Amino acid sequence: MRKLALAISRSSDWLGNGLAWLLLLMVLVMLTVVLLRYGFDYGSIGLQESTLYLHALTFMLGAGYTLKFDDHVRVDVFYRNFAPRTKAWVDIFGFLFLLLPVCLFLFFSSWDYVIGSWLLLEGSPEPGGLPLVFILKTNLLLMPMLLLLQGIAQTLIHVLTLLGLPMEQPADEVLL
């Protein structure tokens, strides 16, 4: 259990650090769009759409990484005062009855939509737009899978806590 949780957590770290670089790229592309538009009176739909794509990638694929560090929005008026074992039970319950069903619902309800987009190799409806809408829509499948994987890792860590074998979260190795 420990090795699996660690492997998933390390994968989330790797992906999260990579996505951080995409944020830098997104800022640079947005700066380019603004400079071209207001400095040279030139607009590019493809460049504008690329910022949308980069934002979607970082937001959707980074959800599991955010879960790893417990940085999702939550109301923890009671939770923060719970003992580690009680927190473990609450988090396991949350995974089994909230995160797992939502991720499965998102994945299976998006499946036909994403497959249809791939069959058409759907592109932007805008002239000069990016011909990669099908790849963008694939995030609808990747996000719940990555979130579910990290949820499994977190749940394994909580099970180890309940078994009296607590596992420290691996230190985040931020590359930026």
C-alpha atoms as a PDB file:
ATOM      1  CA  MET A   1       0.000   0.000   0.000  1.00  0.00           C
ATOM      2  CA  ARG A   2       2.774   2.368   0.957  1.00  0.00           C
ATOM      3  CA  LYS A   3       4.641   1.869  -2.340  1.00  0.00           C
ATOM      4  CA  LEU A   4       1.508   2.388  -4.435  1.00  0.00           C
ATOM      5  CA  ALA A   5       0.564   5.560  -2.552  1.00  0.00           C
ATOM      6  CA  LEU A   6       4.103   6.858  -2.938  1.00  0.00           C
ATOM      7  CA  ALA A   7       4.218   6.048  -6.668  1.00  0.00           C
ATOM      8  CA  ILE A   8       0.921   7.846  -7.320  1.00  0.00           C
ATOM      9  CA  SER A   9       1.996  10.829  -5.213  1.00  0.00           C
ATOM     10  CA  ARG A  10       5.298  11.103  -7.066  1.00  0.00           C
ATOM     11  CA  SER A  11       3.452  10.970 -10.383  1.00  0.00           C
ATOM     12  CA  SER A  12       1.198  13.784  -9.185  1.00  0.00           C
ATOM     13  CA  ASP A  13       4.284  15.795  -8.206  1.00  0.00           C
ATOM     14  CA  TRP A  14       5.806  15.278 -11.624  1.00  0.00           C
ATOM     15  CA  LEU A  15       2.602  16.330 -13.392  1.00  0.00           C
ATOM     16  CA  GLY A  16       2.008  19.292 -11.071  1.00  0.00           C
ATOM     17  CA  ASN A  17       5.520  20.623 -11.613  1.00  0.00           C
ATOM     18  CA  GLY A  18       5.119  20.256 -15.364  1.00  0.00           C
ATOM     19  CA  LEU A  19       1.805  22.083 -15.268  1.00  0.00           C
ATOM     20  CA  ALA A  20       3.445  24.930 -13.363  1.00  0.00           C
ATOM     21  CA  TRP A  21       5.635  25.523 -16.411  1.00  0.00           C
ATOM     22  CA  LEU A  22       2.507  25.635 -18.560  1.00  0.00           C
ATOM     23  CA  LEU A  23       1.259  28.510 -16.413  1.00  0.00           C
ATOM     24  CA  LEU A  24       4.408  30.452 -17.226  1.00  0.00           C
ATOM     25  CA  LEU A  25       3.899  29.671 -20.912  1.00  0.00           C
ATOM     26  CA  MET A  26       0.258  30.815 -20.630  1.00  0.00           C
ATOM     27  CA  VAL A  27       1.330  34.173 -19.170  1.00  0.00           C
ATOM     28  CA  LEU A  28       3.880  34.660 -21.958  1.00  0.00           C
ATOM     29  CA  VAL A  29       1.339  33.787 -24.657  1.00  0.00           C
ATOM     30  CA  MET A  30      -1.207  36.155 -23.110  1.00  0.00           C
ATOM     31  CA  LEU A  31       1.414  38.910 -22.981  1.00  0.00           C
ATOM     32  CA  THR A  32       2.134  38.270 -26.665  1.00  0.00           C
ATOM     33  CA  VAL A  33      -1.585  38.458 -27.520  1.00  0.00           C
ATOM     34  CA  VAL A  34      -1.938  41.788 -25.725  1.00  0.00           C
ATOM     35  CA  LEU A  35       1.245  43.255 -27.240  1.00  0.00           C
ATOM     36  CA  LEU A  36       0.241  42.187 -30.737  1.00  0.00           C
ATOM     37  CA  ARG A  37      -3.291  43.491 -30.372  1.00  0.00           C
ATOM     38  CA  TYR A  38      -2.625  46.848 -28.761  1.00  0.00           C
ATOM     39  CA  GLY A  39       0.921  47.484 -29.965  1.00  0.00           C
ATOM     40  CA  PHE A  40       0.640  46.319 -33.560  1.00  0.00           C
ATOM     41  CA  ASP A  41      -3.133  46.152 -34.135  1.00  0.00           C
ATOM     42  CA  TYR A  42      -2.846  42.444 -34.972  1.00  0.00           C
ATOM     43  CA  GLY A  43      -5.124  39.747 -33.575  1.00  0.00           C
ATOM     44  CA  SER A  44      -4.663  36.010 -33.675  1.00  0.00           C
ATOM     45  CA  ILE A  45      -7.529  33.670 -32.823  1.00  0.00           C
ATOM     46  CA  GLY A  46      -5.098  30.738 -32.572  1.00  0.00           C
ATOM     47  CA  LEU A  47      -2.960  32.536 -29.976  1.00  0.00           C
ATOM     48  CA  GLN A  48      -6.031  33.549 -27.999  1.00  0.00           C
ATOM     49  CA  GLU A  49      -7.363  29.996 -28.038  1.00  0.00           C
ATOM     50  CA  SER A  50      -3.986  28.648 -26.946  1.00  0.00           C
ATOM     51  CA  THR A  51      -4.328  30.572 -23.666  1.00  0.00           C
ATOM     52  CA  LEU A  52      -7.706  28.913 -23.174  1.00  0.00           C
ATOM     53  CA  TYR A  53      -6.158  25.501 -23.838  1.00  0.00           C
ATOM     54  CA  LEU A  54      -3.255  26.115 -21.447  1.00  0.00           C
ATOM     55  CA  HIS A  55      -5.634  27.314 -18.741  1.00  0.00           C
ATOM     56  CA  ALA A  56      -7.861  24.266 -19.178  1.00  0.00           C
ATOM     57  CA  LEU A  57      -4.865  21.928 -19.045  1.00  0.00           C
ATOM     58  CA  THR A  58      -3.471  23.417 -15.838  1.00  0.00           C
ATOM     59  CA  PHE A  59      -6.844  23.643 -14.112  1.00  0.00           C
ATOM     60  CA  MET A  60      -8.213  20.244 -15.049  1.00  0.00           C
ATOM     61  CA  LEU A  61      -5.048  18.160 -14.961  1.00  0.00           C
ATOM     62  CA  GLY A  62      -3.857  19.874 -11.780  1.00  0.00           C
ATOM     63  CA  ALA A  63      -6.897  18.832  -9.729  1.00  0.00           C
ATOM     64  CA  GLY A  64      -5.218  15.636  -8.476  1.00  0.00           C
ATOM     65  CA  TYR A  65      -2.056  17.543  -7.559  1.00  0.00           C
ATOM     66  CA  THR A  66      -4.191  20.010  -5.599  1.00  0.00           C
ATOM     67  CA  LEU A  67      -5.909  17.137  -3.797  1.00  0.00           C
ATOM     68  CA  LYS A  68      -2.525  15.746  -2.782  1.00  0.00           C
ATOM     69  CA  PHE A  69      -1.783  18.918  -0.838  1.00  0.00           C
ATOM     70  CA  ASP A  70      -5.345  19.213   0.509  1.00  0.00           C
ATOM     71  CA  ASP A  71      -5.701  22.607  -1.162  1.00  0.00           C
ATOM     72  CA  HIS A  72      -9.238  22.225  -2.477  1.00  0.00           C
ATOM     73  CA  VAL A  73     -11.880  24.475  -1.005  1.00  0.00           C
ATOM     74  CA  ARG A  74     -13.412  22.988   2.109  1.00  0.00           C
ATOM     75  CA  VAL A  75     -15.223  24.129   5.191  1.00  0.00           C
ATOM     76  CA  ASP A  76     -13.177  22.710   8.018  1.00  0.00           C
ATOM     77  CA  VAL A  77     -14.724  24.293  11.098  1.00  0.00           C
ATOM     78  CA  PHE A  78     -14.790  20.892  12.801  1.00  0.00           C
ATOM     79  CA  TYR A  79     -12.272  18.935  10.716  1.00  0.00           C
ATOM     80  CA  ARG A  80      -9.229  21.002  11.703  1.00  0.00           C
ATOM     81  CA  ASN A  81      -9.722  20.054  15.372  1.00  0.00           C
ATOM     82  CA  PHE A  82     -10.152  16.324  14.742  1.00  0.00           C
ATOM     83  CA  ALA A  83      -7.541  13.789  15.791  1.00  0.00           C
ATOM     84  CA  PRO A  84      -5.528  12.189  12.925  1.00  0.00           C
ATOM     85  CA  ARG A  85      -7.553   8.960  13.102  1.00  0.00           C
ATOM     86  CA  THR A  86     -10.863  10.841  12.934  1.00  0.00           C
ATOM     87  CA  LYS A  87      -9.561  12.884   9.991  1.00  0.00           C
ATOM     88  CA  ALA A  88      -8.579   9.624   8.292  1.00  0.00           C
ATOM     89  CA  TRP A  89     -12.116   8.240   8.706  1.00  0.00           C
ATOM     90  CA  VAL A  90     -13.677  11.475   7.407  1.00  0.00           C
ATOM     91  CA  ASP A  91     -11.369  11.507   4.380  1.00  0.00           C
ATOM     92  CA  ILE A  92     -12.000   7.829   3.583  1.00  0.00           C
ATOM     93  CA  PHE A  93     -15.748   8.448   3.822  1.00  0.00           C
ATOM     94  CA  GLY A  94     -15.364  11.515   1.590  1.00  0.00           C
ATOM     95  CA  PHE A  95     -13.467   9.494  -0.999  1.00  0.00           C
ATOM     96  CA  LEU A  96     -15.873   6.556  -1.049  1.00  0.00           C
ATOM     97  CA  PHE A  97     -19.135   8.495  -0.996  1.00  0.00           C
ATOM     98  CA  LEU A  98     -18.261  11.815  -2.637  1.00  0.00           C
ATOM     99  CA  LEU A  99     -15.081  11.852  -4.735  1.00  0.00           C
ATOM    100  CA  LEU A 100     -15.347   8.335  -6.190  1.00  0.00           C
ATOM    101  CA  PRO A 101     -18.975   8.667  -7.385  1.00  0.00           C
ATOM    102  CA  VAL A 102     -18.413  12.171  -8.784  1.00  0.00           C
ATOM    103  CA  CYS A 103     -15.285  11.105 -10.690  1.00  0.00           C
ATOM    104  CA  LEU A 104     -17.015   8.028 -12.090  1.00  0.00           C
ATOM    105  CA  PHE A 105     -20.036  10.122 -13.098  1.00  0.00           C
ATOM    106  CA  LEU A 106     -17.848  12.728 -14.823  1.00  0.00           C
ATOM    107  CA  PHE A 107     -15.856  10.070 -16.646  1.00  0.00           C
ATOM    108  CA  PHE A 108     -18.774   7.985 -17.900  1.00  0.00           C
ATOM    109  CA  SER A 109     -21.051  10.908 -18.723  1.00  0.00           C
ATOM    110  CA  SER A 110     -18.259  12.545 -20.767  1.00  0.00           C
ATOM    111  CA  TRP A 111     -17.171   9.407 -22.603  1.00  0.00           C
ATOM    112  CA  ASP A 112     -19.511   9.634 -25.645  1.00  0.00           C
ATOM    113  CA  TYR A 113     -18.971  13.392 -25.914  1.00  0.00           C
ATOM    114  CA  VAL A 114     -15.183  13.000 -26.031  1.00  0.00           C
ATOM    115  CA  ILE A 115     -15.250   9.974 -28.356  1.00  0.00           C
ATOM    116  CA  GLY A 116     -17.559  11.853 -30.740  1.00  0.00           C
ATOM    117  CA  SER A 117     -15.121  14.744 -30.803  1.00  0.00           C
ATOM    118  CA  TRP A 118     -12.220  12.379 -31.559  1.00  0.00           C
ATOM    119  CA  LEU A 119     -14.157  10.675 -34.358  1.00  0.00           C
ATOM    120  CA  LEU A 120     -14.661  14.072 -35.995  1.00  0.00           C
ATOM    121  CA  LEU A 121     -11.178  15.307 -35.088  1.00  0.00           C
ATOM    122  CA  GLU A 122     -13.096  18.374 -33.985  1.00  0.00           C
ATOM    123  CA  GLY A 123     -11.432  21.722 -34.450  1.00  0.00           C
ATOM    124  CA  SER A 124     -12.239  25.290 -33.598  1.00  0.00           C
ATOM    125  CA  PRO A 125     -15.330  26.770 -35.242  1.00  0.00           C
ATOM    126  CA  GLU A 126     -13.451  30.088 -35.566  1.00  0.00           C
ATOM    127  CA  PRO A 127     -11.458  30.852 -38.700  1.00  0.00           C
ATOM    128  CA  GLY A 128      -7.784  30.666 -37.773  1.00  0.00           C
ATOM    129  CA  GLY A 129      -8.581  28.782 -34.565  1.00  0.00           C
ATOM    130  CA  LEU A 130      -6.749  25.722 -33.301  1.00  0.00           C
ATOM    131  CA  PRO A 131      -7.787  22.389 -34.828  1.00  0.00           C
ATOM    132  CA  LEU A 132      -7.386  20.613 -31.469  1.00  0.00           C
ATOM    133  CA  VAL A 133     -10.766  20.825 -29.737  1.00  0.00           C
ATOM    134  CA  PHE A 134     -10.848  17.029 -29.526  1.00  0.00           C
ATOM    135  CA  ILE A 135      -7.651  17.090 -27.446  1.00  0.00           C
ATOM    136  CA  LEU A 136      -9.062  19.819 -25.213  1.00  0.00           C
ATOM    137  CA  LYS A 137     -12.204  17.750 -24.607  1.00  0.00           C
ATOM    138  CA  THR A 138     -10.042  14.771 -23.629  1.00  0.00           C
ATOM    139  CA  ASN A 139      -9.406  16.632 -20.376  1.00  0.00           C
ATOM    140  CA  LEU A 140     -12.966  15.698 -19.440  1.00  0.00           C
ATOM    141  CA  LEU A 141     -11.729  12.108 -19.154  1.00  0.00           C
ATOM    142  CA  LEU A 142      -8.229  12.770 -17.849  1.00  0.00           C
ATOM    143  CA  MET A 143      -9.307  15.004 -14.979  1.00  0.00           C
ATOM    144  CA  PRO A 144     -11.527  12.465 -13.194  1.00  0.00           C
ATOM    145  CA  MET A 145      -8.956   9.713 -13.790  1.00  0.00           C
ATOM    146  CA  LEU A 146      -6.112  11.742 -12.272  1.00  0.00           C
ATOM    147  CA  LEU A 147      -8.292  12.964  -9.418  1.00  0.00           C
ATOM    148  CA  LEU A 148      -9.401   9.407  -8.734  1.00  0.00           C
ATOM    149  CA  LEU A 149      -5.816   8.122  -8.742  1.00  0.00           C
ATOM    150  CA  GLN A 150      -4.728  10.743  -6.226  1.00  0.00           C
ATOM    151  CA  GLY A 151      -7.846   9.997  -4.171  1.00  0.00           C
ATOM    152  CA  ILE A 152      -6.795   6.346  -4.062  1.00  0.00           C
ATOM    153  CA  ALA A 153      -3.311   7.358  -2.902  1.00  0.00           C
ATOM    154  CA  GLN A 154      -4.764   9.608  -0.193  1.00  0.00           C
ATOM    155  CA  THR A 155      -7.128   6.859   0.926  1.00  0.00           C
ATOM    156  CA  LEU A 156      -4.260   4.357   1.166  1.00  0.00           C
ATOM    157  CA  ILE A 157      -2.364   6.852   3.319  1.00  0.00           C
ATOM    158  CA  HIS A 158      -5.418   7.188   5.578  1.00  0.00           C
ATOM    159  CA  VAL A 159      -5.817   3.413   5.826  1.00  0.00           C
ATOM    160  CA  LEU A 160      -2.165   3.183   6.902  1.00  0.00           C
ATOM    161  CA  THR A 161      -2.899   5.807   9.560  1.00  0.00           C
ATOM    162  CA  LEU A 162      -5.824   3.742  10.844  1.00  0.00           C
ATOM    163  CA  LEU A 163      -3.599   0.654  10.930  1.00  0.00           C
ATOM    164  CA  GLY A 164      -1.111   2.544  13.077  1.00  0.00           C
ATOM    165  CA  LEU A 165       1.434   2.809  10.274  1.00  0.00           C
ATOM    166  CA  PRO A 166       1.241   6.516   9.476  1.00  0.00           C
ATOM    167  CA  MET A 167       2.972   7.627   6.340  1.00  0.00           C
ATOM    168  CA  GLU A 168       4.223  11.149   5.996  1.00  0.00           C
ATOM    169  CA  GLN A 169       3.191  12.813   2.783  1.00  0.00           C
ATOM    170  CA  PRO A 170       6.197  12.913   0.451  1.00  0.00           C
ATOM    171  CA  ALA A 171       7.834  16.321   0.487  1.00  0.00           C
ATOM    172  CA  ASP A 172       6.864  18.351  -2.519  1.00  0.00           C
ATOM    173  CA  GLU A 173       9.762  18.852  -4.860  1.00  0.00           C
ATOM    174  CA  VAL A 174       8.799  22.023  -6.661  1.00  0.00           C
ATOM    175  CA  LEU A 175      10.998  22.565  -9.664  1.00  0.00           C
ATOM    176  CA  LEU A 176      10.208  26.257 -10.123  1.00  0.00           C
END
